[in-house]
Amino acid sequence: GGGERWLGRLNEIAVPTLIIHGTEDPVLPYVHGLALKDAIRGSKMLTLEGTGHELHHEDWPRIIQAIKGQTS
């Protein structure tokens, strides 16, 4: 555990939030990323099709672009 006590407080997040999630994540299934997106008001989600729990080198350009878009 550990994170369960914060789950009900996600709606309190009031800063720009970018969720990066792979569709094939075996550790935290993609539906968990979608739930975060729904729970955090105004959040954006970058979906990495076919990616599991690790970030791949070929995904970095998209990730960096998403971070730049979120922070500028």
PDB file of N, CA and C in Angstrom:
ATOM      1  N   GLY A   1       0.787  -1.170   0.000  1.00  0.00           N
ATOM      2  CA  GLY A   1       0.000   0.000   0.000  1.00  0.00           C
ATOM      3  C   GLY A   1       0.844   1.255   0.000  1.00  0.00           C
ATOM      4  N   GLY A   2       0.264   2.224   0.640  1.00  0.00           N
ATOM      5  CA  GLY A   2       0.925   3.508   0.761  1.00  0.00           C
ATOM      6  C   GLY A   2       0.173   4.629   0.089  1.00  0.00           C
ATOM      7  N   GLY A   3      -0.298   4.408  -1.126  1.00  0.00           N
ATOM      8  CA  GLY A   3      -0.935   5.476  -1.866  1.00  0.00           C
ATOM      9  C   GLY A   3      -2.434   5.576  -1.670  1.00  0.00           C
ATOM     10  N   GLU A   4      -3.017   4.548  -1.074  1.00  0.00           N
ATOM     11  CA  GLU A   4      -4.467   4.511  -0.957  1.00  0.00           C
ATOM     12  C   GLU A   4      -5.034   5.700  -0.196  1.00  0.00           C
ATOM     13  N   ARG A   5      -4.361   6.159   0.835  1.00  0.00           N
ATOM     14  CA  ARG A   5      -4.910   7.244   1.645  1.00  0.00           C
ATOM     15  C   ARG A   5      -4.948   8.564   0.883  1.00  0.00           C
ATOM     16  N   TRP A   6      -4.191   8.676  -0.197  1.00  0.00           N
ATOM     17  CA  TRP A   6      -4.171   9.904  -0.995  1.00  0.00           C
ATOM     18  C   TRP A   6      -5.147   9.841  -2.164  1.00  0.00           C
ATOM     19  N   LEU A   7      -5.629   8.678  -2.484  1.00  0.00           N
ATOM     20  CA  LEU A   7      -6.481   8.501  -3.650  1.00  0.00           C
ATOM     21  C   LEU A   7      -7.704   9.411  -3.621  1.00  0.00           C
ATOM     22  N   GLY A   8      -8.320   9.566  -2.477  1.00  0.00           N
ATOM     23  CA  GLY A   8      -9.497  10.408  -2.349  1.00  0.00           C
ATOM     24  C   GLY A   8      -9.201  11.894  -2.389  1.00  0.00           C
ATOM     25  N   ARG A   9      -7.932  12.257  -2.413  1.00  0.00           N
ATOM     26  CA  ARG A   9      -7.548  13.673  -2.398  1.00  0.00           C
ATOM     27  C   ARG A   9      -7.041  14.167  -3.757  1.00  0.00           C
ATOM     28  N   LEU A  10      -7.114  13.337  -4.763  1.00  0.00           N
ATOM     29  CA  LEU A  10      -6.613  13.731  -6.083  1.00  0.00           C
ATOM     30  C   LEU A  10      -7.317  14.972  -6.609  1.00  0.00           C
ATOM     31  N   ASN A  11      -8.576  15.150  -6.234  1.00  0.00           N
ATOM     32  CA  ASN A  11      -9.325  16.324  -6.693  1.00  0.00           C
ATOM     33  C   ASN A  11      -8.800  17.619  -6.084  1.00  0.00           C
ATOM     34  N   GLU A  12      -7.914  17.529  -5.097  1.00  0.00           N
ATOM     35  CA  GLU A  12      -7.318  18.713  -4.479  1.00  0.00           C
ATOM     36  C   GLU A  12      -6.120  19.244  -5.273  1.00  0.00           C
ATOM     37  N   ILE A  13      -5.622  18.463  -6.202  1.00  0.00           N
ATOM     38  CA  ILE A  13      -4.469  18.894  -6.993  1.00  0.00           C
ATOM     39  C   ILE A  13      -4.901  20.058  -7.868  1.00  0.00           C
ATOM     40  N   ALA A  14      -4.212  21.178  -7.711  1.00  0.00           N
ATOM     41  CA  ALA A  14      -4.601  22.403  -8.417  1.00  0.00           C
ATOM     42  C   ALA A  14      -3.439  22.978  -9.222  1.00  0.00           C
ATOM     43  N   VAL A  15      -2.560  22.121  -9.673  1.00  0.00           N
ATOM     44  CA  VAL A  15      -1.424  22.546 -10.497  1.00  0.00           C
ATOM     45  C   VAL A  15      -1.482  21.767 -11.810  1.00  0.00           C
ATOM     46  N   PRO A  16      -0.856  22.292 -12.863  1.00  0.00           N
ATOM     47  CA  PRO A  16      -0.846  21.556 -14.127  1.00  0.00           C
ATOM     48  C   PRO A  16      -0.251  20.160 -13.926  1.00  0.00           C
ATOM     49  N   THR A  17      -0.968  19.160 -14.387  1.00  0.00           N
ATOM     50  CA  THR A  17      -0.561  17.776 -14.171  1.00  0.00           C
ATOM     51  C   THR A  17      -0.532  17.037 -15.501  1.00  0.00           C
ATOM     52  N   LEU A  18       0.586  16.382 -15.769  1.00  0.00           N
ATOM     53  CA  LEU A  18       0.740  15.574 -16.972  1.00  0.00           C
ATOM     54  C   LEU A  18       0.888  14.120 -16.549  1.00  0.00           C
ATOM     55  N   ILE A  19       0.019  13.292 -17.050  1.00  0.00           N
ATOM     56  CA  ILE A  19       0.060  11.857 -16.770  1.00  0.00           C
ATOM     57  C   ILE A  19       0.631  11.179 -18.014  1.00  0.00           C
ATOM     58  N   ILE A  20       1.689  10.414 -17.829  1.00  0.00           N
ATOM     59  CA  ILE A  20       2.316   9.680 -18.931  1.00  0.00           C
ATOM     60  C   ILE A  20       2.103   8.203 -18.645  1.00  0.00           C
ATOM     61  N   HIS A  21       1.433   7.508 -19.564  1.00  0.00           N
ATOM     62  CA  HIS A  21       1.078   6.120 -19.271  1.00  0.00           C
ATOM     63  C   HIS A  21       1.109   5.273 -20.530  1.00  0.00           C
ATOM     64  N   GLY A  22       1.675   4.081 -20.401  1.00  0.00           N
ATOM     65  CA  GLY A  22       1.708   3.126 -21.504  1.00  0.00           C
ATOM     66  C   GLY A  22       0.467   2.249 -21.506  1.00  0.00           C
ATOM     67  N   THR A  23      -0.013   1.928 -22.698  1.00  0.00           N
ATOM     68  CA  THR A  23      -1.230   1.124 -22.811  1.00  0.00           C
ATOM     69  C   THR A  23      -1.023  -0.330 -22.403  1.00  0.00           C
ATOM     70  N   GLU A  24       0.211  -0.788 -22.391  1.00  0.00           N
ATOM     71  CA  GLU A  24       0.497  -2.191 -22.077  1.00  0.00           C
ATOM     72  C   GLU A  24       1.206  -2.353 -20.736  1.00  0.00           C
ATOM     73  N   ASP A  25       1.008  -1.432 -19.830  1.00  0.00           N
ATOM     74  CA  ASP A  25       1.672  -1.468 -18.521  1.00  0.00           C
ATOM     75  C   ASP A  25       1.126  -2.631 -17.693  1.00  0.00           C
ATOM     76  N   PRO A  26       1.970  -3.634 -17.356  1.00  0.00           N
ATOM     77  CA  PRO A  26       1.505  -4.761 -16.561  1.00  0.00           C
ATOM     78  C   PRO A  26       1.506  -4.469 -15.056  1.00  0.00           C
ATOM     79  N   VAL A  27       2.194  -3.412 -14.634  1.00  0.00           N
ATOM     80  CA  VAL A  27       2.296  -3.072 -13.210  1.00  0.00           C
ATOM     81  C   VAL A  27       1.098  -2.234 -12.782  1.00  0.00           C
ATOM     82  N   LEU A  28       0.843  -1.163 -13.515  1.00  0.00           N
ATOM     83  CA  LEU A  28      -0.322  -0.301 -13.285  1.00  0.00           C
ATOM     84  C   LEU A  28      -1.091  -0.249 -14.599  1.00  0.00           C
ATOM     85  N   PRO A  29      -2.144  -1.032 -14.729  1.00  0.00           N
ATOM     86  CA  PRO A  29      -2.884  -1.078 -15.991  1.00  0.00           C
ATOM     87  C   PRO A  29      -3.325   0.310 -16.462  1.00  0.00           C
ATOM     88  N   TYR A  30      -3.482   0.434 -17.760  1.00  0.00           N
ATOM     89  CA  TYR A  30      -3.815   1.705 -18.401  1.00  0.00           C
ATOM     90  C   TYR A  30      -5.064   2.350 -17.797  1.00  0.00           C
ATOM     91  N   VAL A  31      -6.014   1.547 -17.376  1.00  0.00           N
ATOM     92  CA  VAL A  31      -7.236   2.114 -16.776  1.00  0.00           C
ATOM     93  C   VAL A  31      -6.912   2.938 -15.534  1.00  0.00           C
ATOM     94  N   HIS A  32      -5.816   2.640 -14.858  1.00  0.00           N
ATOM     95  CA  HIS A  32      -5.406   3.442 -13.698  1.00  0.00           C
ATOM     96  C   HIS A  32      -4.994   4.840 -14.138  1.00  0.00           C
ATOM     97  N   GLY A  33      -4.286   4.941 -15.253  1.00  0.00           N
ATOM     98  CA  GLY A  33      -3.922   6.245 -15.797  1.00  0.00           C
ATOM     99  C   GLY A  33      -5.155   7.044 -16.184  1.00  0.00           C
ATOM    100  N   LEU A  34      -6.121   6.370 -16.793  1.00  0.00           N
ATOM    101  CA  LEU A  34      -7.372   7.039 -17.163  1.00  0.00           C
ATOM    102  C   LEU A  34      -8.114   7.529 -15.922  1.00  0.00           C
ATOM    103  N   ALA A  35      -8.089   6.727 -14.856  1.00  0.00           N
ATOM    104  CA  ALA A  35      -8.744   7.137 -13.606  1.00  0.00           C
ATOM    105  C   ALA A  35      -8.062   8.372 -13.020  1.00  0.00           C
ATOM    106  N   LEU A  36      -6.729   8.423 -13.079  1.00  0.00           N
ATOM    107  CA  LEU A  36      -6.011   9.618 -12.618  1.00  0.00           C
ATOM    108  C   LEU A  36      -6.431  10.832 -13.431  1.00  0.00           C
ATOM    109  N   LYS A  37      -6.503  10.656 -14.742  1.00  0.00           N
ATOM    110  CA  LYS A  37      -6.904  11.754 -15.630  1.00  0.00           C
ATOM    111  C   LYS A  37      -8.286  12.273 -15.246  1.00  0.00           C
ATOM    112  N   ASP A  38      -9.195  11.378 -14.952  1.00  0.00           N
ATOM    113  CA  ASP A  38     -10.553  11.774 -14.567  1.00  0.00           C
ATOM    114  C   ASP A  38     -10.589  12.436 -13.196  1.00  0.00           C
ATOM    115  N   ALA A  39      -9.708  12.011 -12.293  1.00  0.00           N
ATOM    116  CA  ALA A  39      -9.744  12.500 -10.911  1.00  0.00           C
ATOM    117  C   ALA A  39      -9.027  13.834 -10.721  1.00  0.00           C
ATOM    118  N   ILE A  40      -8.058  14.143 -11.576  1.00  0.00           N
ATOM    119  CA  ILE A  40      -7.275  15.373 -11.419  1.00  0.00           C
ATOM    120  C   ILE A  40      -7.795  16.406 -12.411  1.00  0.00           C
ATOM    121  N   ARG A  41      -8.468  17.385 -11.888  1.00  0.00           N
ATOM    122  CA  ARG A  41      -9.105  18.424 -12.709  1.00  0.00           C
ATOM    123  C   ARG A  41      -8.090  19.117 -13.622  1.00  0.00           C
ATOM    124  N   GLY A  42      -8.409  19.174 -14.914  1.00  0.00           N
ATOM    125  CA  GLY A  42      -7.566  19.876 -15.876  1.00  0.00           C
ATOM    126  C   GLY A  42      -6.301  19.149 -16.279  1.00  0.00           C
ATOM    127  N   SER A  43      -6.136  17.917 -15.835  1.00  0.00           N
ATOM    128  CA  SER A  43      -4.909  17.190 -16.175  1.00  0.00           C
ATOM    129  C   SER A  43      -4.902  16.811 -17.654  1.00  0.00           C
ATOM    130  N   LYS A  44      -3.708  16.573 -18.153  1.00  0.00           N
ATOM    131  CA  LYS A  44      -3.527  16.105 -19.524  1.00  0.00           C
ATOM    132  C   LYS A  44      -2.855  14.749 -19.461  1.00  0.00           C
ATOM    133  N   MET A  45      -3.108  13.943 -20.483  1.00  0.00           N
ATOM    134  CA  MET A  45      -2.543  12.604 -20.499  1.00  0.00           C
ATOM    135  C   MET A  45      -1.833  12.350 -21.817  1.00  0.00           C
ATOM    136  N   LEU A  46      -0.621  11.851 -21.711  1.00  0.00           N
ATOM    137  CA  LEU A  46       0.132  11.393 -22.874  1.00  0.00           C
ATOM    138  C   LEU A  46       0.068   9.871 -22.857  1.00  0.00           C
ATOM    139  N   THR A  47      -0.586   9.308 -23.852  1.00  0.00           N
ATOM    140  CA  THR A  47      -0.707   7.862 -23.961  1.00  0.00           C
ATOM    141  C   THR A  47       0.397   7.338 -24.859  1.00  0.00           C
ATOM    142  N   LEU A  48       1.133   6.360 -24.353  1.00  0.00           N
ATOM    143  CA  LEU A  48       2.196   5.722 -25.125  1.00  0.00           C
ATOM    144  C   LEU A  48       1.688   4.353 -25.571  1.00  0.00           C
ATOM    145  N   GLU A  49       1.224   4.291 -26.813  1.00  0.00           N
ATOM    146  CA  GLU A  49       0.659   3.056 -27.365  1.00  0.00           C
ATOM    147  C   GLU A  49       1.702   1.945 -27.401  1.00  0.00           C
ATOM    148  N   GLY A  50       1.315   0.780 -26.894  1.00  0.00           N
ATOM    149  CA  GLY A  50       2.179  -0.386 -26.935  1.00  0.00           C
ATOM    150  C   GLY A  50       3.314  -0.388 -25.932  1.00  0.00           C
ATOM    151  N   THR A  51       3.379   0.634 -25.093  1.00  0.00           N
ATOM    152  CA  THR A  51       4.454   0.740 -24.107  1.00  0.00           C
ATOM    153  C   THR A  51       3.999   0.144 -22.786  1.00  0.00           C
ATOM    154  N   GLY A  52       4.925  -0.515 -22.105  1.00  0.00           N
ATOM    155  CA  GLY A  52       4.633  -1.094 -20.803  1.00  0.00           C
ATOM    156  C   GLY A  52       4.929  -0.112 -19.685  1.00  0.00           C
ATOM    157  N   HIS A  53       5.610  -0.593 -18.648  1.00  0.00           N
ATOM    158  CA  HIS A  53       5.877   0.227 -17.466  1.00  0.00           C
ATOM    159  C   HIS A  53       7.138   1.082 -17.615  1.00  0.00           C
ATOM    160  N   GLU A  54       7.990   0.744 -18.581  1.00  0.00           N
ATOM    161  CA  GLU A  54       9.233   1.491 -18.781  1.00  0.00           C
ATOM    162  C   GLU A  54       9.079   2.471 -19.936  1.00  0.00           C
ATOM    163  N   LEU A  55       9.849   3.553 -19.870  1.00  0.00           N
ATOM    164  CA  LEU A  55       9.881   4.504 -20.977  1.00  0.00           C
ATOM    165  C   LEU A  55      10.941   4.043 -21.972  1.00  0.00           C
ATOM    166  N   HIS A  56      10.621   4.126 -23.245  1.00  0.00           N
ATOM    167  CA  HIS A  56      11.543   3.701 -24.292  1.00  0.00           C
ATOM    168  C   HIS A  56      12.192   4.911 -24.953  1.00  0.00           C
ATOM    169  N   HIS A  57      13.413   4.711 -25.386  1.00  0.00           N
ATOM    170  CA  HIS A  57      14.186   5.788 -26.011  1.00  0.00           C
ATOM    171  C   HIS A  57      13.403   6.468 -27.136  1.00  0.00           C
ATOM    172  N   GLU A  58      12.720   5.680 -27.936  1.00  0.00           N
ATOM    173  CA  GLU A  58      11.998   6.258 -29.073  1.00  0.00           C
ATOM    174  C   GLU A  58      10.793   7.109 -28.648  1.00  0.00           C
ATOM    175  N   ASP A  59      10.360   6.970 -27.398  1.00  0.00           N
ATOM    176  CA  ASP A  59       9.239   7.777 -26.892  1.00  0.00           C
ATOM    177  C   ASP A  59       9.681   9.136 -26.355  1.00  0.00           C
ATOM    178  N   TRP A  60      10.969   9.325 -26.116  1.00  0.00           N
ATOM    179  CA  TRP A  60      11.442  10.559 -25.482  1.00  0.00           C
ATOM    180  C   TRP A  60      11.075  11.834 -26.231  1.00  0.00           C
ATOM    181  N   PRO A  61      11.158  11.883 -27.555  1.00  0.00           N
ATOM    182  CA  PRO A  61      10.760  13.126 -28.222  1.00  0.00           C
ATOM    183  C   PRO A  61       9.309  13.528 -27.912  1.00  0.00           C
ATOM    184  N   ARG A  62       8.397  12.566 -27.904  1.00  0.00           N
ATOM    185  CA  ARG A  62       6.995  12.862 -27.568  1.00  0.00           C
ATOM    186  C   ARG A  62       6.849  13.272 -26.111  1.00  0.00           C
ATOM    187  N   ILE A  63       7.588  12.613 -25.235  1.00  0.00           N
ATOM    188  CA  ILE A  63       7.515  12.924 -23.809  1.00  0.00           C
ATOM    189  C   ILE A  63       8.030  14.338 -23.552  1.00  0.00           C
ATOM    190  N   ILE A  64       9.173  14.655 -24.138  1.00  0.00           N
ATOM    191  CA  ILE A  64       9.755  15.992 -23.951  1.00  0.00           C
ATOM    192  C   ILE A  64       8.817  17.061 -24.496  1.00  0.00           C
ATOM    193  N   GLN A  65       8.226  16.813 -25.653  1.00  0.00           N
ATOM    194  CA  GLN A  65       7.284  17.773 -26.237  1.00  0.00           C
ATOM    195  C   GLN A  65       6.077  17.971 -25.318  1.00  0.00           C
ATOM    196  N   ALA A  66       5.570  16.893 -24.744  1.00  0.00           N
ATOM    197  CA  ALA A  66       4.424  16.993 -23.836  1.00  0.00           C
ATOM    198  C   ALA A  66       4.790  17.772 -22.576  1.00  0.00           C
ATOM    199  N   ILE A  67       5.989  17.535 -22.046  1.00  0.00           N
ATOM    200  CA  ILE A  67       6.439  18.263 -20.853  1.00  0.00           C
ATOM    201  C   ILE A  67       6.605  19.742 -21.179  1.00  0.00           C
ATOM    202  N   LYS A  68       7.196  20.044 -22.320  1.00  0.00           N
ATOM    203  CA  LYS A  68       7.341  21.448 -22.727  1.00  0.00           C
ATOM    204  C   LYS A  68       5.975  22.114 -22.854  1.00  0.00           C
ATOM    205  N   GLY A  69       5.033  21.420 -23.463  1.00  0.00           N
ATOM    206  CA  GLY A  69       3.691  21.967 -23.615  1.00  0.00           C
ATOM    207  C   GLY A  69       2.995  22.188 -22.290  1.00  0.00           C
ATOM    208  N   GLN A  70       3.300  21.356 -21.330  1.00  0.00           N
ATOM    209  CA  GLN A  70       2.681  21.452 -20.006  1.00  0.00           C
ATOM    210  C   GLN A  70       3.303  22.568 -19.170  1.00  0.00           C
ATOM    211  N   THR A  71       4.560  22.873 -19.421  1.00  0.00           N
ATOM    212  CA  THR A  71       5.269  23.809 -18.542  1.00  0.00           C
ATOM    213  C   THR A  71       5.510  25.180 -19.157  1.00  0.00           C
ATOM    214  N   SER A  72       5.083  25.382 -20.387  1.00  0.00           N
ATOM    215  CA  SER A  72       5.324  26.697 -20.994  1.00  0.00           C
ATOM    216  C   SER A  72       4.035  27.468 -21.207  1.00  0.00           C
TER     217      SER A  72
END
